[in-house]
Amino acid sequence: MSQEVYLTRAGYEKLRDELEELKGPKRHAISKVIGEARLLGDLKENAEYHAAKEEQGHCEARIANLELKLSNVRLIEDQNISADKVFIGAIVTLKDCDTDEKMKYMMVSPEEANYEENKLSILSPIGKGLMGHEAGEELEVQVPAGSLRYKILKIERP
């Protein structure tokens, strides 16, 4: 049995678009490269052919992975998730208790995590440390480099 994958609508569309690209243009491009490499002769020592076949294998594995994930998607927007605690889909404003730096993250599944977009995985050390806590709470989060202290200033829903 497959595990549910919680995504935002934008995250779902991004994965769906990637799947369409892989199943269409990417598959066709790889197939063309394989066909051209076959024309080069002996397949045993044909580096272009073997590289293209390897790329084809990676592409097909990613397609299978995406199809499985997309078949088990639950959109965060459709879920009745508490707005007073940190859970997936929450937008959390934090203050670093040591530096007074403020930061804002959206809590997302690992499939959507992107530090540049301030999307924090619920399975990351900081994400795990924040889950289930309320605004106003101060907490210590264990990370590989030691521990960090945060105060949760605000929790919002998109």
N, C-alpha and C. Protein backbone atom coordinates (compact mmCIF):
# COMPACT_ATOMS: atom_id res chain seq x y z
N MET A 1 0.84 -1.17 0.00
CA MET A 1 0.00 0.00 0.00
C MET A 1 0.89 1.25 0.00
N SER A 2 0.53 2.21 -0.81
CA SER A 2 1.33 3.42 -0.94
C SER A 2 0.93 4.46 0.10
N GLN A 3 1.88 5.30 0.43
CA GLN A 3 1.67 6.33 1.42
C GLN A 3 1.11 7.58 0.76
N GLU A 4 0.19 8.26 1.47
CA GLU A 4 -0.36 9.50 0.95
C GLU A 4 0.73 10.55 0.84
N VAL A 5 0.63 11.38 -0.20
CA VAL A 5 1.58 12.46 -0.44
C VAL A 5 0.78 13.76 -0.37
N TYR A 6 1.12 14.61 0.59
CA TYR A 6 0.43 15.89 0.74
C TYR A 6 1.19 16.96 -0.01
N LEU A 7 0.48 17.63 -0.92
CA LEU A 7 1.07 18.68 -1.75
C LEU A 7 0.15 19.89 -1.83
N THR A 8 0.75 21.04 -2.09
CA THR A 8 -0.05 22.20 -2.44
C THR A 8 -0.50 22.01 -3.88
N ARG A 9 -1.47 22.79 -4.31
CA ARG A 9 -1.92 22.68 -5.70
C ARG A 9 -0.76 23.00 -6.66
N ALA A 10 0.05 24.01 -6.31
CA ALA A 10 1.20 24.37 -7.16
C ALA A 10 2.21 23.23 -7.21
N GLY A 11 2.45 22.57 -6.09
CA GLY A 11 3.36 21.43 -6.07
C GLY A 11 2.85 20.27 -6.91
N TYR A 12 1.55 20.03 -6.83
CA TYR A 12 0.92 18.97 -7.63
C TYR A 12 1.09 19.28 -9.12
N GLU A 13 0.81 20.51 -9.51
CA GLU A 13 0.92 20.89 -10.92
C GLU A 13 2.36 20.80 -11.42
N LYS A 14 3.32 21.15 -10.56
CA LYS A 14 4.73 21.06 -10.94
C LYS A 14 5.12 19.61 -11.22
N LEU A 15 4.70 18.69 -10.36
CA LEU A 15 5.01 17.27 -10.58
C LEU A 15 4.29 16.73 -11.81
N ARG A 16 3.04 17.16 -11.99
CA ARG A 16 2.28 16.71 -13.16
C ARG A 16 2.92 17.20 -14.45
N ASP A 17 3.39 18.46 -14.46
CA ASP A 17 4.07 19.01 -15.64
C ASP A 17 5.37 18.26 -15.92
N GLU A 18 6.12 17.93 -14.86
CA GLU A 18 7.36 17.18 -15.04
C GLU A 18 7.05 15.81 -15.65
N LEU A 19 5.99 15.16 -15.18
CA LEU A 19 5.61 13.85 -15.71
C LEU A 19 5.26 13.95 -17.19
N GLU A 20 4.50 14.97 -17.56
CA GLU A 20 4.12 15.15 -18.97
C GLU A 20 5.36 15.37 -19.84
N GLU A 21 6.32 16.16 -19.34
CA GLU A 21 7.56 16.41 -20.07
C GLU A 21 8.35 15.11 -20.26
N LEU A 22 8.45 14.32 -19.19
CA LEU A 22 9.21 13.06 -19.27
C LEU A 22 8.54 12.06 -20.20
N LYS A 23 7.22 11.96 -20.14
CA LYS A 23 6.50 10.97 -20.96
C LYS A 23 6.41 11.38 -22.43
N GLY A 24 6.54 12.66 -22.70
CA GLY A 24 6.43 13.15 -24.07
C GLY A 24 7.78 13.48 -24.68
N PRO A 25 8.15 14.77 -24.64
CA PRO A 25 9.39 15.21 -25.32
C PRO A 25 10.65 14.49 -24.86
N LYS A 26 10.80 14.24 -23.57
CA LYS A 26 12.02 13.61 -23.06
C LYS A 26 12.15 12.17 -23.57
N ARG A 27 11.05 11.41 -23.49
CA ARG A 27 11.06 10.03 -24.00
C ARG A 27 11.42 9.99 -25.48
N HIS A 28 10.82 10.89 -26.24
CA HIS A 28 11.07 10.92 -27.69
C HIS A 28 12.52 11.28 -28.00
N ALA A 29 13.07 12.23 -27.25
CA ALA A 29 14.45 12.63 -27.47
C ALA A 29 15.41 11.48 -27.16
N ILE A 30 15.17 10.77 -26.07
CA ILE A 30 16.03 9.64 -25.70
C ILE A 30 15.93 8.54 -26.75
N SER A 31 14.72 8.28 -27.20
CA SER A 31 14.50 7.25 -28.22
C SER A 31 15.26 7.59 -29.50
N LYS A 32 15.25 8.85 -29.87
CA LYS A 32 15.97 9.28 -31.07
C LYS A 32 17.48 9.08 -30.91
N VAL A 33 18.02 9.44 -29.73
CA VAL A 33 19.45 9.27 -29.47
C VAL A 33 19.82 7.78 -29.52
N ILE A 34 18.97 6.92 -28.95
CA ILE A 34 19.24 5.47 -28.99
C ILE A 34 19.26 4.97 -30.43
N GLY A 35 18.28 5.43 -31.23
CA GLY A 35 18.23 5.03 -32.64
C GLY A 35 19.47 5.46 -33.40
N GLU A 36 19.92 6.69 -33.16
CA GLU A 36 21.12 7.19 -33.84
C GLU A 36 22.37 6.44 -33.38
N ALA A 37 22.42 6.11 -32.08
CA ALA A 37 23.58 5.40 -31.54
C ALA A 37 23.65 3.98 -32.10
N ARG A 38 22.51 3.36 -32.35
CA ARG A 38 22.50 2.00 -32.92
C ARG A 38 23.15 1.97 -34.30
N LEU A 39 22.98 3.08 -35.01
CA LEU A 39 23.53 3.15 -36.37
C LEU A 39 25.06 3.23 -36.37
N LEU A 40 25.64 3.51 -35.19
CA LEU A 40 27.10 3.65 -35.11
C LEU A 40 27.83 2.30 -35.09
N GLY A 41 27.10 1.22 -35.01
CA GLY A 41 27.75 -0.09 -35.09
C GLY A 41 27.65 -0.92 -33.83
N ASP A 42 28.68 -1.68 -33.55
CA ASP A 42 28.75 -2.65 -32.47
C ASP A 42 28.22 -2.07 -31.15
N LEU A 43 27.14 -2.66 -30.64
CA LEU A 43 26.52 -2.14 -29.43
C LEU A 43 27.32 -2.45 -28.16
N LYS A 44 28.18 -3.47 -28.21
CA LYS A 44 28.96 -3.83 -27.03
C LYS A 44 29.90 -2.71 -26.60
N GLU A 45 30.47 -2.02 -27.57
CA GLU A 45 31.45 -0.98 -27.26
C GLU A 45 30.98 0.40 -27.71
N ASN A 46 29.68 0.60 -27.71
CA ASN A 46 29.09 1.84 -28.18
C ASN A 46 28.70 2.69 -26.97
N ALA A 47 29.57 3.61 -26.59
CA ALA A 47 29.36 4.42 -25.38
C ALA A 47 28.11 5.29 -25.49
N GLU A 48 27.85 5.84 -26.68
CA GLU A 48 26.66 6.68 -26.85
C GLU A 48 25.39 5.88 -26.61
N TYR A 49 25.36 4.65 -27.11
CA TYR A 49 24.20 3.79 -26.94
C TYR A 49 23.99 3.47 -25.46
N HIS A 50 25.06 3.08 -24.78
CA HIS A 50 24.94 2.72 -23.36
C HIS A 50 24.55 3.92 -22.50
N ALA A 51 25.07 5.10 -22.82
CA ALA A 51 24.70 6.31 -22.08
C ALA A 51 23.22 6.63 -22.28
N ALA A 52 22.76 6.49 -23.52
CA ALA A 52 21.36 6.77 -23.81
C ALA A 52 20.44 5.76 -23.13
N LYS A 53 20.84 4.50 -23.12
CA LYS A 53 20.03 3.46 -22.44
C LYS A 53 19.97 3.73 -20.94
N GLU A 54 21.09 4.18 -20.37
CA GLU A 54 21.12 4.49 -18.94
C GLU A 54 20.19 5.68 -18.64
N GLU A 55 20.27 6.69 -19.50
CA GLU A 55 19.38 7.85 -19.33
C GLU A 55 17.91 7.43 -19.46
N GLN A 56 17.65 6.51 -20.39
CA GLN A 56 16.29 6.00 -20.55
C GLN A 56 15.82 5.30 -19.27
N GLY A 57 16.69 4.54 -18.66
CA GLY A 57 16.35 3.86 -17.41
C GLY A 57 16.03 4.85 -16.30
N HIS A 58 16.84 5.91 -16.18
CA HIS A 58 16.58 6.94 -15.17
C HIS A 58 15.25 7.64 -15.44
N CYS A 59 15.00 7.93 -16.69
CA CYS A 59 13.76 8.60 -17.08
C CYS A 59 12.54 7.73 -16.74
N GLU A 60 12.60 6.46 -17.08
CA GLU A 60 11.48 5.55 -16.82
C GLU A 60 11.26 5.36 -15.31
N ALA A 61 12.36 5.32 -14.55
CA ALA A 61 12.23 5.20 -13.09
C ALA A 61 11.57 6.44 -12.51
N ARG A 62 11.94 7.62 -13.01
CA ARG A 62 11.34 8.87 -12.52
C ARG A 62 9.86 8.92 -12.90
N ILE A 63 9.53 8.47 -14.10
CA ILE A 63 8.13 8.43 -14.52
C ILE A 63 7.32 7.54 -13.57
N ALA A 64 7.83 6.36 -13.28
CA ALA A 64 7.13 5.44 -12.37
C ALA A 64 6.98 6.06 -10.99
N ASN A 65 8.04 6.71 -10.50
CA ASN A 65 8.00 7.36 -9.19
C ASN A 65 6.95 8.48 -9.17
N LEU A 66 6.94 9.31 -10.20
CA LEU A 66 5.97 10.41 -10.25
C LEU A 66 4.54 9.89 -10.37
N GLU A 67 4.34 8.86 -11.18
CA GLU A 67 2.99 8.30 -11.32
C GLU A 67 2.48 7.76 -9.99
N LEU A 68 3.36 7.10 -9.24
CA LEU A 68 2.97 6.58 -7.93
C LEU A 68 2.62 7.72 -6.98
N LYS A 69 3.48 8.74 -6.91
CA LYS A 69 3.22 9.88 -6.04
C LYS A 69 1.91 10.57 -6.42
N LEU A 70 1.74 10.85 -7.70
CA LEU A 70 0.55 11.58 -8.14
C LEU A 70 -0.73 10.78 -7.92
N SER A 71 -0.63 9.46 -7.92
CA SER A 71 -1.82 8.64 -7.67
C SER A 71 -2.22 8.65 -6.20
N ASN A 72 -1.32 9.13 -5.34
CA ASN A 72 -1.59 9.15 -3.90
C ASN A 72 -1.62 10.56 -3.32
N VAL A 73 -1.79 11.56 -4.17
CA VAL A 73 -1.76 12.95 -3.72
C VAL A 73 -3.03 13.31 -2.97
N ARG A 74 -2.83 14.04 -1.90
CA ARG A 74 -3.91 14.69 -1.17
C ARG A 74 -3.52 16.16 -1.14
N LEU A 75 -4.38 17.02 -1.69
CA LEU A 75 -4.07 18.44 -1.72
C LEU A 75 -4.26 19.05 -0.34
N ILE A 76 -3.26 19.79 0.08
CA ILE A 76 -3.30 20.42 1.40
C ILE A 76 -4.52 21.32 1.53
N GLU A 77 -4.84 22.03 0.45
CA GLU A 77 -5.96 22.96 0.48
C GLU A 77 -7.29 22.26 0.76
N ASP A 78 -7.37 20.97 0.43
CA ASP A 78 -8.60 20.22 0.61
C ASP A 78 -8.71 19.57 1.99
N GLN A 79 -7.66 19.69 2.79
CA GLN A 79 -7.64 19.04 4.10
C GLN A 79 -8.12 20.00 5.18
N ASN A 80 -8.75 19.46 6.20
CA ASN A 80 -9.21 20.26 7.34
C ASN A 80 -8.11 20.20 8.40
N ILE A 81 -7.13 21.09 8.26
CA ILE A 81 -5.96 21.07 9.14
C ILE A 81 -6.05 22.22 10.13
N SER A 82 -5.75 21.94 11.37
CA SER A 82 -5.78 22.95 12.43
C SER A 82 -4.96 24.17 12.06
N ALA A 83 -5.51 25.36 12.32
CA ALA A 83 -4.80 26.60 12.00
C ALA A 83 -4.05 27.16 13.20
N ASP A 84 -4.19 26.56 14.37
CA ASP A 84 -3.54 27.13 15.55
C ASP A 84 -2.23 26.43 15.92
N LYS A 85 -1.88 25.39 15.18
CA LYS A 85 -0.62 24.68 15.41
C LYS A 85 0.12 24.51 14.10
N VAL A 86 1.42 24.25 14.20
CA VAL A 86 2.24 24.04 13.00
C VAL A 86 1.98 22.64 12.46
N PHE A 87 1.41 22.59 11.26
CA PHE A 87 1.20 21.35 10.53
C PHE A 87 1.51 21.61 9.07
N ILE A 88 1.50 20.58 8.27
CA ILE A 88 1.77 20.74 6.84
C ILE A 88 0.81 21.77 6.26
N GLY A 89 1.34 22.63 5.41
CA GLY A 89 0.55 23.69 4.79
C GLY A 89 0.61 25.01 5.55
N ALA A 90 1.05 25.00 6.78
CA ALA A 90 1.11 26.23 7.57
C ALA A 90 2.25 27.13 7.08
N ILE A 91 2.02 28.42 7.18
CA ILE A 91 3.08 29.39 6.95
C ILE A 91 3.47 29.91 8.33
N VAL A 92 4.72 29.66 8.70
CA VAL A 92 5.18 29.91 10.06
C VAL A 92 6.21 31.03 10.07
N THR A 93 5.97 32.03 10.91
CA THR A 93 6.95 33.10 11.10
C THR A 93 7.68 32.80 12.40
N LEU A 94 9.01 32.73 12.30
CA LEU A 94 9.86 32.38 13.44
C LEU A 94 10.82 33.50 13.77
N LYS A 95 11.27 33.49 15.00
CA LYS A 95 12.37 34.38 15.40
C LYS A 95 13.46 33.49 15.98
N ASP A 96 14.68 33.65 15.45
CA ASP A 96 15.83 32.95 16.01
C ASP A 96 16.15 33.63 17.34
N CYS A 97 16.05 32.91 18.43
CA CYS A 97 16.24 33.48 19.77
C CYS A 97 17.68 33.94 20.02
N ASP A 98 18.63 33.44 19.26
CA ASP A 98 20.03 33.81 19.46
C ASP A 98 20.42 35.04 18.64
N THR A 99 19.83 35.21 17.46
CA THR A 99 20.23 36.31 16.57
C THR A 99 19.13 37.35 16.38
N ASP A 100 17.92 37.08 16.86
CA ASP A 100 16.73 37.92 16.65
C ASP A 100 16.32 38.01 15.17
N GLU A 101 16.91 37.18 14.33
CA GLU A 101 16.53 37.15 12.91
C GLU A 101 15.15 36.54 12.78
N LYS A 102 14.32 37.16 11.92
CA LYS A 102 12.98 36.63 11.65
C LYS A 102 13.00 35.92 10.31
N MET A 103 12.25 34.83 10.22
CA MET A 103 12.15 34.07 8.98
C MET A 103 10.74 33.53 8.84
N LYS A 104 10.36 33.25 7.61
CA LYS A 104 9.01 32.76 7.33
C LYS A 104 9.12 31.56 6.40
N TYR A 105 8.50 30.46 6.80
CA TYR A 105 8.54 29.23 6.01
C TYR A 105 7.14 28.67 5.82
N MET A 106 6.94 28.02 4.68
CA MET A 106 5.74 27.23 4.48
C MET A 106 6.14 25.79 4.73
N MET A 107 5.38 25.10 5.55
CA MET A 107 5.66 23.71 5.87
C MET A 107 5.07 22.83 4.76
N VAL A 108 5.92 22.05 4.11
CA VAL A 108 5.50 21.24 2.96
C VAL A 108 6.06 19.83 3.06
N SER A 109 5.60 18.97 2.18
CA SER A 109 6.13 17.61 2.10
C SER A 109 7.53 17.66 1.49
N PRO A 110 8.31 16.60 1.67
CA PRO A 110 9.67 16.59 1.10
C PRO A 110 9.68 16.79 -0.41
N GLU A 111 8.63 16.37 -1.10
CA GLU A 111 8.57 16.51 -2.56
C GLU A 111 8.55 17.97 -3.00
N GLU A 112 8.06 18.85 -2.13
CA GLU A 112 7.94 20.27 -2.47
C GLU A 112 9.00 21.14 -1.83
N ALA A 113 9.78 20.59 -0.92
CA ALA A 113 10.74 21.40 -0.17
C ALA A 113 11.68 22.14 -1.11
N ASN A 114 11.88 23.43 -0.82
CA ASN A 114 12.76 24.26 -1.63
C ASN A 114 13.19 25.44 -0.77
N TYR A 115 14.43 25.42 -0.31
CA TYR A 115 14.91 26.44 0.62
C TYR A 115 14.85 27.83 0.01
N GLU A 116 15.15 27.96 -1.29
CA GLU A 116 15.12 29.27 -1.94
C GLU A 116 13.73 29.87 -1.96
N GLU A 117 12.70 29.02 -1.97
CA GLU A 117 11.31 29.48 -1.96
C GLU A 117 10.72 29.49 -0.55
N ASN A 118 11.56 29.28 0.46
CA ASN A 118 11.13 29.23 1.87
C ASN A 118 10.08 28.15 2.11
N LYS A 119 10.24 27.03 1.43
CA LYS A 119 9.37 25.87 1.64
C LYS A 119 10.18 24.82 2.39
N LEU A 120 9.78 24.58 3.63
CA LEU A 120 10.54 23.73 4.54
C LEU A 120 9.86 22.37 4.68
N SER A 121 10.60 21.31 4.48
CA SER A 121 10.07 19.95 4.60
C SER A 121 9.68 19.66 6.05
N ILE A 122 8.53 19.03 6.21
CA ILE A 122 8.09 18.63 7.55
C ILE A 122 8.96 17.51 8.10
N LEU A 123 9.79 16.89 7.24
CA LEU A 123 10.66 15.81 7.69
C LEU A 123 12.09 16.27 7.93
N SER A 124 12.38 17.56 7.67
CA SER A 124 13.71 18.09 7.97
C SER A 124 13.84 18.25 9.48
N PRO A 125 15.05 18.36 9.99
CA PRO A 125 15.19 18.52 11.45
C PRO A 125 14.40 19.71 12.00
N ILE A 126 14.46 20.85 11.33
CA ILE A 126 13.71 22.02 11.81
C ILE A 126 12.22 21.78 11.65
N GLY A 127 11.82 21.22 10.50
CA GLY A 127 10.40 20.94 10.27
C GLY A 127 9.83 20.02 11.34
N LYS A 128 10.55 18.95 11.63
CA LYS A 128 10.09 18.01 12.67
C LYS A 128 9.99 18.72 14.02
N GLY A 129 10.95 19.60 14.32
CA GLY A 129 10.97 20.29 15.60
C GLY A 129 9.82 21.26 15.77
N LEU A 130 9.32 21.81 14.65
CA LEU A 130 8.23 22.79 14.72
C LEU A 130 6.85 22.16 14.76
N MET A 131 6.72 20.97 14.20
CA MET A 131 5.41 20.35 14.05
C MET A 131 4.66 20.23 15.39
N GLY A 132 3.39 20.65 15.35
CA GLY A 132 2.51 20.51 16.49
C GLY A 132 2.61 21.62 17.52
N HIS A 133 3.54 22.56 17.33
CA HIS A 133 3.70 23.65 18.30
C HIS A 133 2.81 24.83 17.93
N GLU A 134 2.55 25.70 18.90
CA GLU A 134 1.64 26.84 18.73
C GLU A 134 2.41 28.16 18.69
N ALA A 135 1.73 29.20 18.19
CA ALA A 135 2.31 30.54 18.19
C ALA A 135 2.58 30.95 19.63
N GLY A 136 3.70 31.63 19.83
CA GLY A 136 4.10 32.08 21.16
C GLY A 136 5.07 31.14 21.85
N GLU A 137 5.14 29.90 21.39
CA GLU A 137 6.02 28.92 22.02
C GLU A 137 7.48 29.16 21.63
N GLU A 138 8.37 28.95 22.59
CA GLU A 138 9.80 28.93 22.33
C GLU A 138 10.23 27.47 22.39
N LEU A 139 11.08 27.07 21.45
CA LEU A 139 11.51 25.68 21.44
C LEU A 139 12.93 25.56 20.96
N GLU A 140 13.52 24.44 21.31
CA GLU A 140 14.88 24.13 20.89
C GLU A 140 14.80 22.98 19.89
N VAL A 141 15.46 23.17 18.75
CA VAL A 141 15.42 22.19 17.68
C VAL A 141 16.82 21.63 17.49
N GLN A 142 16.92 20.31 17.50
CA GLN A 142 18.20 19.64 17.28
C GLN A 142 18.45 19.50 15.78
N VAL A 143 19.60 19.98 15.34
CA VAL A 143 20.03 19.85 13.95
C VAL A 143 21.41 19.20 13.96
N PRO A 144 21.87 18.70 12.82
CA PRO A 144 23.18 18.03 12.81
C PRO A 144 24.32 18.87 13.41
N ALA A 145 24.25 20.18 13.27
CA ALA A 145 25.33 21.04 13.76
C ALA A 145 25.16 21.43 15.23
N GLY A 146 24.11 20.97 15.88
CA GLY A 146 23.87 21.32 17.29
C GLY A 146 22.41 21.57 17.54
N SER A 147 22.10 22.68 18.21
CA SER A 147 20.70 22.99 18.47
C SER A 147 20.44 24.47 18.16
N LEU A 148 19.20 24.73 17.76
CA LEU A 148 18.76 26.08 17.43
C LEU A 148 17.56 26.41 18.32
N ARG A 149 17.45 27.67 18.70
CA ARG A 149 16.32 28.09 19.52
C ARG A 149 15.45 29.06 18.73
N TYR A 150 14.16 28.75 18.67
CA TYR A 150 13.21 29.57 17.92
C TYR A 150 12.01 29.94 18.78
N LYS A 151 11.42 31.06 18.44
CA LYS A 151 10.11 31.41 18.99
C LYS A 151 9.17 31.49 17.80
N ILE A 152 8.02 30.83 17.91
CA ILE A 152 7.02 30.86 16.85
C ILE A 152 6.21 32.14 17.04
N LEU A 153 6.34 33.07 16.10
CA LEU A 153 5.65 34.34 16.19
C LEU A 153 4.24 34.29 15.63
N LYS A 154 4.06 33.55 14.55
CA LYS A 154 2.77 33.57 13.86
C LYS A 154 2.59 32.30 13.04
N ILE A 155 1.36 31.82 12.98
CA ILE A 155 1.01 30.67 12.13
C ILE A 155 -0.15 31.10 11.25
N GLU A 156 0.02 30.94 9.94
CA GLU A 156 -1.03 31.32 8.99
C GLU A 156 -1.36 30.13 8.09
N ARG A 157 -2.51 30.20 7.47
CA ARG A 157 -2.90 29.25 6.43
C ARG A 157 -2.92 30.00 5.12
N PRO A 158 -2.46 29.36 4.05
CA PRO A 158 -2.46 30.05 2.73
C PRO A 158 -3.87 30.39 2.27
